[in-house]
Amino acid sequence: MTIYSRLLILIALLFTVSFTYAGQKIAFVNQAKLLQKAPQAESARNKLQKEFAKRDKSLVNLQKQIKTNATKLQKDAAILSAAELNKLKRKVTLLRRDLERDKAAFKEDLSIRQNEELVKLQKSVLKSIQTIAKSEKYDLIISDGVIYASQQIDITDKILAQLKKQYSGK
């Protein structure tokens, strides 16, 4: 086989492949935008805020107690007896320990709950993407890791509308 015949076969194959993919319906979805703007995301944020508001307020009150006692310790150190001074120092130390422990537990619990809500949201987003993909007969929908996607194939707003429709239907 000559070089020219190989080149002709290669060109023929390239044209065949390009014609095969010409009829494909491809779209892009910006999942980060969906996870931020979907009404389900706002609802989850509000839910978490309400769920953790009482504990957050408790932490703020504990910080105020520490500040009040620390101020009293600085201001009254000269006039307090040694026993009262030690008692107040111990109280401030214990309050600080309680605050650090409660903060750590708060952060851990909040993180766990945020992850739970994120998983629910991701499932809802995926379900909406799949619904639109099937109903509009997309062959391929791509997401993360895309460097560029034109507006012609970006269906993020369509998916967002679907999520809003799902949310308002609940």
Protein backbone atom coordinates (compact mmCIF):
# COMPACT_ATOMS: atom_id res chain seq x y z
CA MET A 1 0.00 0.00 0.00
CA THR A 2 1.35 3.36 -0.93
CA ILE A 3 1.47 6.44 1.18
CA TYR A 4 -1.21 8.09 -0.95
CA SER A 5 -3.66 5.22 -0.56
CA ARG A 6 -3.09 5.19 3.24
CA LEU A 7 -3.66 8.92 3.35
CA LEU A 8 -6.88 8.56 1.33
CA ILE A 9 -8.13 5.85 3.74
CA LEU A 10 -7.26 8.03 6.75
CA ILE A 11 -9.10 11.02 5.30
CA ALA A 12 -12.12 8.84 4.50
CA LEU A 13 -12.16 7.54 8.09
CA LEU A 14 -11.95 11.05 9.52
CA PHE A 15 -14.91 12.20 7.42
CA THR A 16 -16.90 9.14 8.47
CA VAL A 17 -16.22 9.80 12.17
CA SER A 18 -17.10 13.48 11.88
CA PHE A 19 -20.38 12.68 10.10
CA THR A 20 -21.21 10.10 12.75
CA TYR A 21 -20.94 12.69 15.53
CA ALA A 22 -22.59 15.51 13.56
CA GLY A 23 -26.08 14.35 14.56
CA GLN A 24 -25.33 14.05 18.27
CA LYS A 25 -27.12 16.35 20.70
CA ILE A 26 -24.65 17.60 23.34
CA ALA A 27 -25.18 20.02 26.22
CA PHE A 28 -23.30 21.57 29.12
CA VAL A 29 -24.52 22.10 32.71
CA ASN A 30 -22.87 24.36 35.27
CA GLN A 31 -23.52 22.33 38.43
CA ALA A 32 -21.89 24.90 40.71
CA LYS A 33 -24.44 27.48 39.55
CA LEU A 34 -27.28 25.04 40.11
CA LEU A 35 -26.07 24.11 43.59
CA GLN A 36 -25.96 27.79 44.50
CA LYS A 37 -29.07 29.18 42.84
CA ALA A 38 -31.59 26.34 43.13
CA PRO A 39 -34.45 27.09 45.54
CA GLN A 40 -33.69 23.77 47.22
CA ALA A 41 -30.24 25.16 48.12
CA GLU A 42 -31.73 28.28 49.70
CA SER A 43 -34.22 26.14 51.57
CA ALA A 44 -31.42 23.91 52.88
CA ARG A 45 -29.42 26.95 54.03
CA ASN A 46 -32.46 28.35 55.87
CA LYS A 47 -33.20 24.96 57.40
CA LEU A 48 -29.64 24.64 58.71
CA GLN A 49 -29.67 28.20 60.01
CA LYS A 50 -32.86 27.54 62.00
CA GLU A 51 -31.57 24.18 63.20
CA PHE A 52 -28.31 25.62 64.53
CA ALA A 53 -29.49 29.08 65.64
CA LYS A 54 -30.07 28.05 69.26
CA ARG A 55 -26.60 26.51 69.59
CA ASP A 56 -25.00 29.52 67.92
CA LYS A 57 -26.76 31.84 70.35
CA SER A 58 -25.55 29.68 73.22
CA LEU A 59 -21.94 30.02 71.99
CA VAL A 60 -22.33 33.79 71.76
CA ASN A 61 -23.68 33.92 75.32
CA LEU A 62 -20.77 31.81 76.55
CA GLN A 63 -18.34 34.22 74.88
CA LYS A 64 -20.08 37.11 76.62
CA GLN A 65 -19.75 35.36 79.98
CA ILE A 66 -16.04 34.83 79.39
CA LYS A 67 -15.57 38.47 78.43
CA THR A 68 -17.52 39.69 81.46
CA ASN A 69 -15.56 37.50 83.86
CA ALA A 70 -12.21 38.31 82.23
CA THR A 71 -12.98 42.04 82.49
CA LYS A 72 -13.96 41.61 86.13
CA LEU A 73 -10.73 39.69 86.74
CA GLN A 74 -8.62 42.48 85.25
CA LYS A 75 -10.52 45.27 86.95
CA ASP A 76 -10.90 43.73 90.40
CA ALA A 77 -7.67 41.71 90.67
CA ALA A 78 -6.17 44.19 93.12
CA ILE A 79 -9.13 44.23 95.51
CA LEU A 80 -10.10 40.52 95.45
CA SER A 81 -8.79 38.08 98.04
CA ALA A 82 -6.46 35.35 96.84
CA ALA A 83 -9.24 32.74 97.14
CA GLU A 84 -11.72 34.88 95.18
CA LEU A 85 -9.08 35.65 92.55
CA ASN A 86 -8.25 31.95 92.09
CA LYS A 87 -11.96 31.08 91.94
CA LEU A 88 -12.54 33.70 89.24
CA LYS A 89 -9.46 32.57 87.26
CA ARG A 90 -10.67 28.96 87.44
CA LYS A 91 -14.13 30.02 86.29
CA VAL A 92 -12.73 31.87 83.25
CA THR A 93 -10.50 28.89 82.40
CA LEU A 94 -13.41 26.44 82.64
CA LEU A 95 -15.65 28.69 80.56
CA ARG A 96 -12.96 28.94 77.86
CA ARG A 97 -12.61 25.15 77.82
CA ASP A 98 -16.37 24.78 77.54
CA LEU A 99 -16.43 27.29 74.70
CA GLU A 100 -13.69 25.51 72.74
CA ARG A 101 -15.36 22.12 73.23
CA ASP A 102 -18.79 23.47 72.26
CA LYS A 103 -17.36 25.28 69.21
CA ALA A 104 -15.67 22.10 67.99
CA ALA A 105 -18.85 20.06 68.45
CA PHE A 106 -20.88 22.79 66.74
CA LYS A 107 -18.54 22.89 63.73
CA GLU A 108 -18.53 19.10 63.41
CA ASP A 109 -22.32 18.79 63.66
CA LEU A 110 -22.84 21.65 61.23
CA SER A 111 -20.42 20.10 58.75
CA ILE A 112 -22.19 16.75 58.93
CA ARG A 113 -25.59 18.35 58.38
CA GLN A 114 -24.30 20.51 55.52
CA ASN A 115 -22.95 17.41 53.82
CA GLU A 116 -26.29 15.62 54.28
CA GLU A 117 -28.17 18.52 52.74
CA LEU A 118 -25.62 18.78 49.91
CA VAL A 119 -26.11 15.11 49.04
CA LYS A 120 -29.90 15.62 48.88
CA LEU A 121 -29.44 18.67 46.67
CA GLN A 122 -26.98 16.89 44.37
CA LYS A 123 -29.45 14.02 43.94
CA SER A 124 -32.21 16.48 43.07
CA VAL A 125 -29.97 18.28 40.55
CA LEU A 126 -28.90 14.99 38.97
CA LYS A 127 -32.52 13.84 38.71
CA SER A 128 -33.48 17.12 36.99
CA ILE A 129 -30.55 16.85 34.57
CA GLN A 130 -31.54 13.28 33.71
CA THR A 131 -35.20 14.26 33.27
CA ILE A 132 -34.32 17.04 30.82
CA ALA A 133 -31.76 14.84 29.06
CA LYS A 134 -34.36 12.13 28.43
CA SER A 135 -37.25 14.44 27.57
CA GLU A 136 -35.20 16.51 25.12
CA LYS A 137 -33.24 13.51 23.81
CA TYR A 138 -29.71 14.63 24.62
CA ASP A 139 -26.97 12.16 23.76
CA LEU A 140 -24.40 13.68 26.10
CA ILE A 141 -24.47 16.24 28.90
CA ILE A 142 -21.13 17.35 30.31
CA SER A 143 -20.37 19.29 33.46
CA ASP A 144 -17.29 19.85 35.62
CA GLY A 145 -13.88 20.09 34.05
CA VAL A 146 -15.07 21.98 30.98
CA ILE A 147 -12.86 24.84 29.95
CA TYR A 148 -15.37 26.45 27.59
CA ALA A 149 -18.99 25.88 26.65
CA SER A 150 -20.95 28.18 24.35
CA GLN A 151 -24.36 29.53 25.34
CA GLN A 152 -25.88 27.40 22.57
CA ILE A 153 -25.21 24.19 24.48
CA ASP A 154 -25.47 25.53 28.07
CA ILE A 155 -28.72 24.18 29.51
CA THR A 156 -28.01 25.25 33.11
CA ASP A 157 -30.92 27.72 33.14
CA LYS A 158 -33.27 25.03 31.82
CA ILE A 159 -32.23 22.73 34.66
CA LEU A 160 -32.61 25.58 37.16
CA ALA A 161 -36.16 26.18 35.89
CA GLN A 162 -36.87 22.46 36.32
CA LEU A 163 -35.55 22.58 39.91
CA LYS A 164 -37.72 25.62 40.66
CA LYS A 165 -40.72 23.81 39.23
CA GLN A 166 -39.97 20.75 41.38
CA TYR A 167 -39.53 22.92 44.46
CA SER A 168 -42.77 24.84 43.98
CA GLY A 169 -44.59 21.54 43.45
CA LYS A 170 -43.71 20.35 46.97
